[in-house]
Amino acid sequence: MQNGENQLSRGKFMKWLGIASTFTVFGLAFSPKKKKAAKTVRMLTEDGTLVEIDAALLSQNKRQVTTDELKSWVKK
């Protein structure tokens, strides 16, 4: 009799394990996606402070500033 009960108990356990794993897989598949962190760029303001700006807000016209331009632009 104990062998039959053991088989029944194992069958219940396997059934619940299958159900739990199915819900886990569906829960992970349909979970809300995490938002990626925005890429920031460090820039120097006119008064010489360093700020971080979202890269998506910058225009695509990229030109490297020369040293002379930088020295004349920053106020002391």
PDB file of N, CA and C in Angstrom:
ATOM      1  N   MET A   1       0.817  -1.190   0.000  1.00  0.00           N
ATOM      2  CA  MET A   1       0.000   0.000   0.000  1.00  0.00           C
ATOM      3  C   MET A   1       0.870   1.268   0.000  1.00  0.00           C
ATOM      4  N   GLN A   2       1.974   1.222   0.714  1.00  0.00           N
ATOM      5  CA  GLN A   2       2.822   2.400   0.796  1.00  0.00           C
ATOM      6  C   GLN A   2       3.448   2.708  -0.565  1.00  0.00           C
ATOM      7  N   ASN A   3       3.769   1.724  -1.352  1.00  0.00           N
ATOM      8  CA  ASN A   3       4.337   1.936  -2.676  1.00  0.00           C
ATOM      9  C   ASN A   3       3.349   2.668  -3.576  1.00  0.00           C
ATOM     10  N   GLY A   4       2.066   2.332  -3.488  1.00  0.00           N
ATOM     11  CA  GLY A   4       1.037   3.003  -4.275  1.00  0.00           C
ATOM     12  C   GLY A   4       0.876   4.457  -3.858  1.00  0.00           C
ATOM     13  N   GLU A   5       0.923   4.720  -2.556  1.00  0.00           N
ATOM     14  CA  GLU A   5       0.834   6.086  -2.070  1.00  0.00           C
ATOM     15  C   GLU A   5       2.053   6.890  -2.491  1.00  0.00           C
ATOM     16  N   ASN A   6       3.215   6.254  -2.474  1.00  0.00           N
ATOM     17  CA  ASN A   6       4.447   6.904  -2.883  1.00  0.00           C
ATOM     18  C   ASN A   6       4.374   7.284  -4.358  1.00  0.00           C
ATOM     19  N   GLN A   7       3.849   6.419  -5.210  1.00  0.00           N
ATOM     20  CA  GLN A   7       3.690   6.692  -6.635  1.00  0.00           C
ATOM     21  C   GLN A   7       2.734   7.866  -6.839  1.00  0.00           C
ATOM     22  N   LEU A   8       1.627   7.865  -6.078  1.00  0.00           N
ATOM     23  CA  LEU A   8       0.645   8.930  -6.189  1.00  0.00           C
ATOM     24  C   LEU A   8       1.253  10.255  -5.736  1.00  0.00           C
ATOM     25  N   SER A   9       2.005  10.240  -4.685  1.00  0.00           N
ATOM     26  CA  SER A   9       2.637  11.448  -4.172  1.00  0.00           C
ATOM     27  C   SER A   9       3.660  11.984  -5.173  1.00  0.00           C
ATOM     28  N   ARG A  10       4.432  11.088  -5.772  1.00  0.00           N
ATOM     29  CA  ARG A  10       5.425  11.500  -6.770  1.00  0.00           C
ATOM     30  C   ARG A  10       4.730  12.070  -8.001  1.00  0.00           C
ATOM     31  N   GLY A  11       3.613  11.483  -8.382  1.00  0.00           N
ATOM     32  CA  GLY A  11       2.861  11.985  -9.531  1.00  0.00           C
ATOM     33  C   GLY A  11       2.312  13.384  -9.285  1.00  0.00           C
ATOM     34  N   LYS A  12       1.792  13.614  -8.080  1.00  0.00           N
ATOM     35  CA  LYS A  12       1.305  14.950  -7.731  1.00  0.00           C
ATOM     36  C   LYS A  12       2.440  15.962  -7.752  1.00  0.00           C
ATOM     37  N   PHE A  13       3.568  15.539  -7.190  1.00  0.00           N
ATOM     38  CA  PHE A  13       4.728  16.429  -7.161  1.00  0.00           C
ATOM     39  C   PHE A  13       5.170  16.797  -8.570  1.00  0.00           C
ATOM     40  N   MET A  14       5.257  15.851  -9.468  1.00  0.00           N
ATOM     41  CA  MET A  14       5.677  16.107 -10.845  1.00  0.00           C
ATOM     42  C   MET A  14       4.662  17.004 -11.565  1.00  0.00           C
ATOM     43  N   LYS A  15       3.382  16.801 -11.302  1.00  0.00           N
ATOM     44  CA  LYS A  15       2.344  17.618 -11.930  1.00  0.00           C
ATOM     45  C   LYS A  15       2.466  19.072 -11.464  1.00  0.00           C
ATOM     46  N   TRP A  16       2.618  19.281 -10.157  1.00  0.00           N
ATOM     47  CA  TRP A  16       2.744  20.637  -9.638  1.00  0.00           C
ATOM     48  C   TRP A  16       4.044  21.301 -10.089  1.00  0.00           C
ATOM     49  N   LEU A  17       5.081  20.502 -10.195  1.00  0.00           N
ATOM     50  CA  LEU A  17       6.351  21.034 -10.686  1.00  0.00           C
ATOM     51  C   LEU A  17       6.216  21.494 -12.136  1.00  0.00           C
ATOM     52  N   GLY A  18       5.523  20.729 -12.960  1.00  0.00           N
ATOM     53  CA  GLY A  18       5.294  21.111 -14.351  1.00  0.00           C
ATOM     54  C   GLY A  18       4.457  22.374 -14.464  1.00  0.00           C
ATOM     55  N   ILE A  19       3.416  22.468 -13.644  1.00  0.00           N
ATOM     56  CA  ILE A  19       2.554  23.652 -13.670  1.00  0.00           C
ATOM     57  C   ILE A  19       3.337  24.882 -13.223  1.00  0.00           C
ATOM     58  N   ALA A  20       4.104  24.744 -12.160  1.00  0.00           N
ATOM     59  CA  ALA A  20       4.882  25.873 -11.646  1.00  0.00           C
ATOM     60  C   ALA A  20       5.930  26.336 -12.662  1.00  0.00           C
ATOM     61  N   SER A  21       6.584  25.397 -13.319  1.00  0.00           N
ATOM     62  CA  SER A  21       7.603  25.782 -14.300  1.00  0.00           C
ATOM     63  C   SER A  21       6.969  26.442 -15.516  1.00  0.00           C
ATOM     64  N   THR A  22       5.779  25.992 -15.911  1.00  0.00           N
ATOM     65  CA  THR A  22       5.079  26.606 -17.041  1.00  0.00           C
ATOM     66  C   THR A  22       4.734  28.058 -16.729  1.00  0.00           C
ATOM     67  N   PHE A  23       4.191  28.309 -15.529  1.00  0.00           N
ATOM     68  CA  PHE A  23       3.859  29.683 -15.156  1.00  0.00           C
ATOM     69  C   PHE A  23       5.108  30.546 -15.046  1.00  0.00           C
ATOM     70  N   THR A  24       6.194  29.958 -14.594  1.00  0.00           N
ATOM     71  CA  THR A  24       7.440  30.712 -14.494  1.00  0.00           C
ATOM     72  C   THR A  24       7.934  31.131 -15.869  1.00  0.00           C
ATOM     73  N   VAL A  25       7.893  30.205 -16.830  1.00  0.00           N
ATOM     74  CA  VAL A  25       8.351  30.517 -18.185  1.00  0.00           C
ATOM     75  C   VAL A  25       7.474  31.600 -18.804  1.00  0.00           C
ATOM     76  N   PHE A  26       6.151  31.477 -18.663  1.00  0.00           N
ATOM     77  CA  PHE A  26       5.261  32.492 -19.214  1.00  0.00           C
ATOM     78  C   PHE A  26       5.421  33.825 -18.484  1.00  0.00           C
ATOM     79  N   GLY A  27       5.664  33.787 -17.205  1.00  0.00           N
ATOM     80  CA  GLY A  27       5.872  35.017 -16.443  1.00  0.00           C
ATOM     81  C   GLY A  27       7.116  35.757 -16.887  1.00  0.00           C
ATOM     82  N   LEU A  28       8.179  35.023 -17.168  1.00  0.00           N
ATOM     83  CA  LEU A  28       9.411  35.661 -17.631  1.00  0.00           C
ATOM     84  C   LEU A  28       9.281  36.164 -19.065  1.00  0.00           C
ATOM     85  N   ALA A  29       8.529  35.426 -19.885  1.00  0.00           N
ATOM     86  CA  ALA A  29       8.379  35.815 -21.284  1.00  0.00           C
ATOM     87  C   ALA A  29       7.557  37.088 -21.422  1.00  0.00           C
ATOM     88  N   PHE A  30       6.551  37.279 -20.588  1.00  0.00           N
ATOM     89  CA  PHE A  30       5.671  38.422 -20.720  1.00  0.00           C
ATOM     90  C   PHE A  30       5.907  39.502 -19.668  1.00  0.00           C
ATOM     91  N   SER A  31       7.023  39.432 -18.981  1.00  0.00           N
ATOM     92  CA  SER A  31       7.324  40.447 -17.974  1.00  0.00           C
ATOM     93  C   SER A  31       7.698  41.749 -18.678  1.00  0.00           C
ATOM     94  N   PRO A  32       7.457  42.883 -18.042  1.00  0.00           N
ATOM     95  CA  PRO A  32       7.802  44.160 -18.671  1.00  0.00           C
ATOM     96  C   PRO A  32       9.306  44.268 -18.863  1.00  0.00           C
ATOM     97  N   LYS A  33       9.682  44.788 -19.994  1.00  0.00           N
ATOM     98  CA  LYS A  33      11.100  44.929 -20.321  1.00  0.00           C
ATOM     99  C   LYS A  33      11.692  46.102 -19.539  1.00  0.00           C
ATOM    100  N   LYS A  34      12.914  45.938 -19.095  1.00  0.00           N
ATOM    101  CA  LYS A  34      13.581  46.996 -18.364  1.00  0.00           C
ATOM    102  C   LYS A  34      14.069  48.051 -19.344  1.00  0.00           C
ATOM    103  N   LYS A  35      13.942  49.289 -18.940  1.00  0.00           N
ATOM    104  CA  LYS A  35      14.371  50.394 -19.783  1.00  0.00           C
ATOM    105  C   LYS A  35      15.892  50.512 -19.706  1.00  0.00           C
ATOM    106  N   LYS A  36      16.519  50.668 -20.840  1.00  0.00           N
ATOM    107  CA  LYS A  36      17.970  50.801 -20.862  1.00  0.00           C
ATOM    108  C   LYS A  36      18.360  52.174 -20.337  1.00  0.00           C
ATOM    109  N   ALA A  37      19.487  52.200 -19.681  1.00  0.00           N
ATOM    110  CA  ALA A  37      19.975  53.466 -19.141  1.00  0.00           C
ATOM    111  C   ALA A  37      20.391  54.377 -20.295  1.00  0.00           C
ATOM    112  N   ALA A  38      20.025  55.632 -20.190  1.00  0.00           N
ATOM    113  CA  ALA A  38      20.351  56.590 -21.237  1.00  0.00           C
ATOM    114  C   ALA A  38      21.849  56.874 -21.227  1.00  0.00           C
ATOM    115  N   LYS A  39      22.415  56.981 -22.409  1.00  0.00           N
ATOM    116  CA  LYS A  39      23.835  57.276 -22.526  1.00  0.00           C
ATOM    117  C   LYS A  39      24.027  58.772 -22.337  1.00  0.00           C
ATOM    118  N   THR A  40      24.910  59.129 -21.444  1.00  0.00           N
ATOM    119  CA  THR A  40      25.155  60.534 -21.166  1.00  0.00           C
ATOM    120  C   THR A  40      26.548  60.927 -21.629  1.00  0.00           C
ATOM    121  N   VAL A  41      26.684  62.220 -21.888  1.00  0.00           N
ATOM    122  CA  VAL A  41      27.945  62.790 -22.339  1.00  0.00           C
ATOM    123  C   VAL A  41      28.318  63.903 -21.377  1.00  0.00           C
ATOM    124  N   ARG A  42      29.564  63.942 -20.969  1.00  0.00           N
ATOM    125  CA  ARG A  42      30.026  65.021 -20.088  1.00  0.00           C
ATOM    126  C   ARG A  42      30.496  66.182 -20.949  1.00  0.00           C
ATOM    127  N   MET A  43      30.002  67.371 -20.582  1.00  0.00           N
ATOM    128  CA  MET A  43      30.364  68.569 -21.334  1.00  0.00           C
ATOM    129  C   MET A  43      30.708  69.682 -20.355  1.00  0.00           C
ATOM    130  N   LEU A  44      31.469  70.637 -20.840  1.00  0.00           N
ATOM    131  CA  LEU A  44      31.896  71.772 -20.049  1.00  0.00           C
ATOM    132  C   LEU A  44      31.019  72.970 -20.400  1.00  0.00           C
ATOM    133  N   THR A  45      30.468  73.614 -19.387  1.00  0.00           N
ATOM    134  CA  THR A  45      29.640  74.791 -19.639  1.00  0.00           C
ATOM    135  C   THR A  45      30.517  76.021 -19.810  1.00  0.00           C
ATOM    136  N   GLU A  46      29.885  77.133 -20.157  1.00  0.00           N
ATOM    137  CA  GLU A  46      30.621  78.358 -20.419  1.00  0.00           C
ATOM    138  C   GLU A  46      31.335  78.879 -19.174  1.00  0.00           C
ATOM    139  N   ASP A  47      30.754  78.655 -18.012  1.00  0.00           N
ATOM    140  CA  ASP A  47      31.394  79.131 -16.780  1.00  0.00           C
ATOM    141  C   ASP A  47      32.380  78.130 -16.199  1.00  0.00           C
ATOM    142  N   GLY A  48      32.605  77.006 -16.876  1.00  0.00           N
ATOM    143  CA  GLY A  48      33.641  76.063 -16.477  1.00  0.00           C
ATOM    144  C   GLY A  48      33.171  74.903 -15.626  1.00  0.00           C
ATOM    145  N   THR A  49      31.871  74.732 -15.434  1.00  0.00           N
ATOM    146  CA  THR A  49      31.387  73.591 -14.665  1.00  0.00           C
ATOM    147  C   THR A  49      31.129  72.409 -15.596  1.00  0.00           C
ATOM    148  N   LEU A  50      31.287  71.222 -15.057  1.00  0.00           N
ATOM    149  CA  LEU A  50      31.106  70.003 -15.828  1.00  0.00           C
ATOM    150  C   LEU A  50      29.689  69.485 -15.622  1.00  0.00           C
ATOM    151  N   VAL A  51      28.970  69.226 -16.727  1.00  0.00           N
ATOM    152  CA  VAL A  51      27.602  68.726 -16.657  1.00  0.00           C
ATOM    153  C   VAL A  51      27.472  67.483 -17.512  1.00  0.00           C
ATOM    154  N   GLU A  52      26.472  66.645 -17.189  1.00  0.00           N
ATOM    155  CA  GLU A  52      26.182  65.460 -17.995  1.00  0.00           C
ATOM    156  C   GLU A  52      24.884  65.688 -18.741  1.00  0.00           C
ATOM    157  N   ILE A  53      24.898  65.416 -20.060  1.00  0.00           N
ATOM    158  CA  ILE A  53      23.747  65.644 -20.926  1.00  0.00           C
ATOM    159  C   ILE A  53      23.414  64.339 -21.626  1.00  0.00           C
ATOM    160  N   ASP A  54      22.115  64.075 -21.808  1.00  0.00           N
ATOM    161  CA  ASP A  54      21.674  62.898 -22.540  1.00  0.00           C
ATOM    162  C   ASP A  54      22.163  63.013 -23.987  1.00  0.00           C
ATOM    163  N   ALA A  55      22.783  61.967 -24.502  1.00  0.00           N
ATOM    164  CA  ALA A  55      23.364  61.997 -25.845  1.00  0.00           C
ATOM    165  C   ALA A  55      22.294  62.135 -26.923  1.00  0.00           C
ATOM    166  N   ALA A  56      21.077  61.700 -26.648  1.00  0.00           N
ATOM    167  CA  ALA A  56      20.010  61.806 -27.645  1.00  0.00           C
ATOM    168  C   ALA A  56      19.598  63.255 -27.881  1.00  0.00           C
ATOM    169  N   LEU A  57      19.870  64.140 -26.940  1.00  0.00           N
ATOM    170  CA  LEU A  57      19.487  65.543 -27.087  1.00  0.00           C
ATOM    171  C   LEU A  57      20.485  66.348 -27.903  1.00  0.00           C
ATOM    172  N   LEU A  58      21.644  65.810 -28.172  1.00  0.00           N
ATOM    173  CA  LEU A  58      22.668  66.530 -28.926  1.00  0.00           C
ATOM    174  C   LEU A  58      22.456  66.360 -30.417  1.00  0.00           C
ATOM    175  N   SER A  59      22.849  67.364 -31.168  1.00  0.00           N
ATOM    176  CA  SER A  59      22.752  67.262 -32.634  1.00  0.00           C
ATOM    177  C   SER A  59      23.901  66.403 -33.157  1.00  0.00           C
ATOM    178  N   GLN A  60      23.768  65.945 -34.361  1.00  0.00           N
ATOM    179  CA  GLN A  60      24.769  65.059 -34.949  1.00  0.00           C
ATOM    180  C   GLN A  60      25.942  65.816 -35.570  1.00  0.00           C
ATOM    181  N   ASN A  61      25.903  67.136 -35.550  1.00  0.00           N
ATOM    182  CA  ASN A  61      26.981  67.948 -36.107  1.00  0.00           C
ATOM    183  C   ASN A  61      28.123  67.996 -35.093  1.00  0.00           C
ATOM    184  N   LYS A  62      29.046  67.045 -35.201  1.00  0.00           N
ATOM    185  CA  LYS A  62      30.126  66.946 -34.219  1.00  0.00           C
ATOM    186  C   LYS A  62      31.416  67.483 -34.820  1.00  0.00           C
ATOM    187  N   ARG A  63      32.000  68.443 -34.105  1.00  0.00           N
ATOM    188  CA  ARG A  63      33.268  69.016 -34.519  1.00  0.00           C
ATOM    189  C   ARG A  63      34.102  69.190 -33.266  1.00  0.00           C
ATOM    190  N   GLN A  64      35.348  68.786 -33.318  1.00  0.00           N
ATOM    191  CA  GLN A  64      36.212  68.892 -32.158  1.00  0.00           C
ATOM    192  C   GLN A  64      36.678  70.334 -32.001  1.00  0.00           C
ATOM    193  N   VAL A  65      36.600  70.823 -30.769  1.00  0.00           N
ATOM    194  CA  VAL A  65      36.989  72.191 -30.464  1.00  0.00           C
ATOM    195  C   VAL A  65      38.501  72.250 -30.322  1.00  0.00           C
ATOM    196  N   THR A  66      39.092  73.309 -30.874  1.00  0.00           N
ATOM    197  CA  THR A  66      40.536  73.474 -30.744  1.00  0.00           C
ATOM    198  C   THR A  66      40.861  74.048 -29.378  1.00  0.00           C
ATOM    199  N   THR A  67      42.092  73.954 -28.999  1.00  0.00           N
ATOM    200  CA  THR A  67      42.528  74.443 -27.694  1.00  0.00           C
ATOM    201  C   THR A  67      42.363  75.958 -27.594  1.00  0.00           C
ATOM    202  N   ASP A  68      42.679  76.664 -28.672  1.00  0.00           N
ATOM    203  CA  ASP A  68      42.536  78.124 -28.662  1.00  0.00           C
ATOM    204  C   ASP A  68      41.075  78.537 -28.507  1.00  0.00           C
ATOM    205  N   GLU A  69      40.171  77.847 -29.176  1.00  0.00           N
ATOM    206  CA  GLU A  69      38.747  78.155 -29.047  1.00  0.00           C
ATOM    207  C   GLU A  69      38.278  77.907 -27.615  1.00  0.00           C
ATOM    208  N   LEU A  70      38.746  76.841 -27.027  1.00  0.00           N
ATOM    209  CA  LEU A  70      38.342  76.506 -25.664  1.00  0.00           C
ATOM    210  C   LEU A  70      38.843  77.548 -24.671  1.00  0.00           C
ATOM    211  N   LYS A  71      40.071  77.995 -24.848  1.00  0.00           N
ATOM    212  CA  LYS A  71      40.624  78.991 -23.929  1.00  0.00           C
ATOM    213  C   LYS A  71      39.897  80.323 -24.040  1.00  0.00           C
ATOM    214  N   SER A  72      39.481  80.704 -25.229  1.00  0.00           N
ATOM    215  CA  SER A  72      38.770  81.971 -25.383  1.00  0.00           C
ATOM    216  C   SER A  72      37.308  81.858 -24.971  1.00  0.00           C
ATOM    217  N   TRP A  73      36.782  80.664 -24.893  1.00  0.00           N
ATOM    218  CA  TRP A  73      35.359  80.471 -24.609  1.00  0.00           C
ATOM    219  C   TRP A  73      35.067  80.402 -23.116  1.00  0.00           C
ATOM    220  N   VAL A  74      35.935  79.767 -22.341  1.00  0.00           N
ATOM    221  CA  VAL A  74      35.697  79.588 -20.912  1.00  0.00           C
ATOM    222  C   VAL A  74      35.968  80.885 -20.172  1.00  0.00           C
ATOM    223  N   LYS A  75      34.999  81.302 -19.346  1.00  0.00           N
ATOM    224  CA  LYS A  75      35.166  82.511 -18.523  1.00  0.00           C
ATOM    225  C   LYS A  75      35.760  82.109 -17.183  1.00  0.00           C
ATOM    226  N   LYS A  76      36.694  82.914 -16.709  1.00  0.00           N
ATOM    227  CA  LYS A  76      37.338  82.603 -15.426  1.00  0.00           C
ATOM    228  C   LYS A  76      36.770  83.429 -14.325  1.00  0.00           C
TER     229      LYS A  76
END
